[in-house]
Amino acid sequence: MKKTVLMAMMLCVVSLLSAKNLRVVVVTTSPVMHCESCENTIKSNLRFEKGVKKIVTSLPDQTVTITYDADKNSAKSIAESFQKFGYTAQVLSDSPLKPKIGDEPKK
């Protein structure tokens, strides 16, 4: 019984320590993305930025949606990083990542 309780406590501690402060920033670029090559250039360069977890580009919407760890980076810094590979980025929104259904903390 003691081992079970100890294991449950350790599991709770590990899950709390692994929780990230994830945020989602949506930017638009200049020059605009007009092809798959533009998307690949953006994705291949942004993946090396600290804290970047996921990058989704949308040609029809002309947006780049980036999920990042706010403890390691900021929306402003990510937008500035576009200059390294010839783009400028304007932040359209920056918000916390909403948990998926079933991921909410239990009360």
Protein backbone atom coordinates (compact mmCIF):
# COMPACT_ATOMS: atom_id res chain seq x y z
CA MET A 1 0.00 0.00 0.00
CA LYS A 2 2.83 2.40 0.90
CA LYS A 3 4.55 1.71 -2.40
CA THR A 4 1.38 2.47 -4.33
CA VAL A 5 0.86 5.78 -2.53
CA LEU A 6 4.52 6.69 -3.02
CA MET A 7 4.36 5.90 -6.73
CA ALA A 8 1.18 7.97 -7.13
CA MET A 9 2.82 10.92 -5.38
CA MET A 10 5.92 10.64 -7.55
CA LEU A 11 3.77 10.52 -10.69
CA CYS A 12 1.97 13.71 -9.61
CA VAL A 13 5.28 15.49 -8.99
CA VAL A 14 6.67 14.44 -12.36
CA SER A 15 3.52 15.60 -14.18
CA LEU A 16 3.66 18.98 -12.42
CA LEU A 17 7.32 19.45 -13.31
CA SER A 18 6.74 18.58 -16.94
CA ALA A 19 3.86 21.07 -17.34
CA LYS A 20 4.84 23.77 -19.80
CA ASN A 21 3.71 27.35 -20.16
CA LEU A 22 2.70 26.88 -23.80
CA ARG A 23 1.45 29.81 -25.87
CA VAL A 24 0.36 30.24 -29.48
CA VAL A 25 1.45 33.22 -31.57
CA VAL A 26 -0.01 33.94 -35.01
CA VAL A 27 2.02 36.13 -37.35
CA THR A 28 1.80 37.39 -40.90
CA THR A 29 4.95 37.80 -42.98
CA SER A 30 6.43 40.23 -45.42
CA PRO A 31 7.20 39.31 -48.13
CA VAL A 32 4.05 37.20 -48.24
CA MET A 33 4.25 33.45 -48.56
CA HIS A 34 3.26 32.47 -52.08
CA CYS A 35 4.43 28.88 -52.44
CA GLU A 36 5.45 25.70 -50.68
CA SER A 37 9.10 26.77 -50.80
CA CYS A 38 8.27 29.87 -48.72
CA GLU A 39 6.50 27.67 -46.17
CA ASN A 40 9.46 25.30 -46.00
CA THR A 41 11.94 28.18 -45.56
CA ILE A 42 9.95 29.53 -42.62
CA LYS A 43 9.44 26.12 -40.99
CA SER A 44 13.04 24.99 -41.43
CA ASN A 45 14.44 28.17 -39.87
CA LEU A 46 11.96 28.62 -37.02
CA ARG A 47 12.37 25.09 -35.73
CA PHE A 48 15.77 26.07 -34.33
CA GLU A 49 14.39 28.88 -32.15
CA LYS A 50 14.32 28.17 -28.42
CA GLY A 51 11.05 26.81 -27.11
CA VAL A 52 9.33 26.36 -30.49
CA LYS A 53 7.17 23.24 -30.33
CA LYS A 54 4.99 23.38 -33.45
CA ILE A 55 4.80 25.48 -36.64
CA VAL A 56 1.76 25.57 -38.94
CA THR A 57 1.71 27.69 -42.08
CA SER A 58 -1.36 28.68 -44.08
CA LEU A 59 -0.97 30.01 -47.62
CA PRO A 60 -4.66 30.96 -48.02
CA ASP A 61 -4.68 32.92 -44.74
CA GLN A 62 -1.07 34.16 -45.11
CA THR A 63 -0.36 33.24 -41.46
CA VAL A 64 2.19 31.30 -39.50
CA THR A 65 0.95 29.78 -36.23
CA ILE A 66 3.69 28.90 -33.75
CA THR A 67 3.25 27.01 -30.50
CA TYR A 68 6.07 27.84 -28.11
CA ASP A 69 7.17 27.51 -24.49
CA ALA A 70 6.78 30.98 -22.94
CA ASP A 71 9.38 30.07 -20.28
CA LYS A 72 12.00 29.84 -23.04
CA ASN A 73 10.94 32.46 -25.60
CA SER A 74 8.50 35.31 -26.32
CA ALA A 75 6.25 36.30 -29.20
CA LYS A 76 8.36 39.41 -29.80
CA SER A 77 11.58 37.39 -29.99
CA ILE A 78 10.03 34.84 -32.35
CA ALA A 79 8.76 37.64 -34.63
CA GLU A 80 12.23 39.21 -34.64
CA SER A 81 13.81 35.87 -35.57
CA PHE A 82 12.15 36.04 -39.01
CA GLN A 83 14.72 38.70 -39.96
CA LYS A 84 17.47 36.07 -39.83
CA PHE A 85 16.10 34.49 -43.01
CA GLY A 86 14.84 37.50 -44.93
CA TYR A 87 11.30 38.04 -43.65
CA THR A 88 9.60 40.46 -41.31
CA ALA A 89 6.76 39.27 -39.12
CA GLN A 90 3.85 41.10 -37.57
CA VAL A 91 2.19 39.51 -34.54
CA LEU A 92 -1.56 39.13 -35.04
CA SER A 93 -2.26 37.34 -31.75
CA ASP A 94 -0.47 35.78 -28.80
CA SER A 95 -2.49 33.65 -26.41
CA PRO A 96 -2.13 30.72 -24.01
CA LEU A 97 -2.54 27.27 -25.53
CA LYS A 98 -5.97 25.94 -24.60
CA PRO A 99 -5.81 22.43 -23.15
CA LYS A 100 -7.49 19.64 -25.06
CA ILE A 101 -10.63 18.08 -23.62
CA GLY A 102 -9.53 15.64 -20.97
CA ASP A 103 -6.28 17.52 -20.27
CA GLU A 104 -7.87 19.94 -17.80
CA PRO A 105 -6.68 19.57 -14.20
CA LYS A 106 -8.96 17.50 -12.00
CA LYS A 107 -10.64 19.28 -9.09
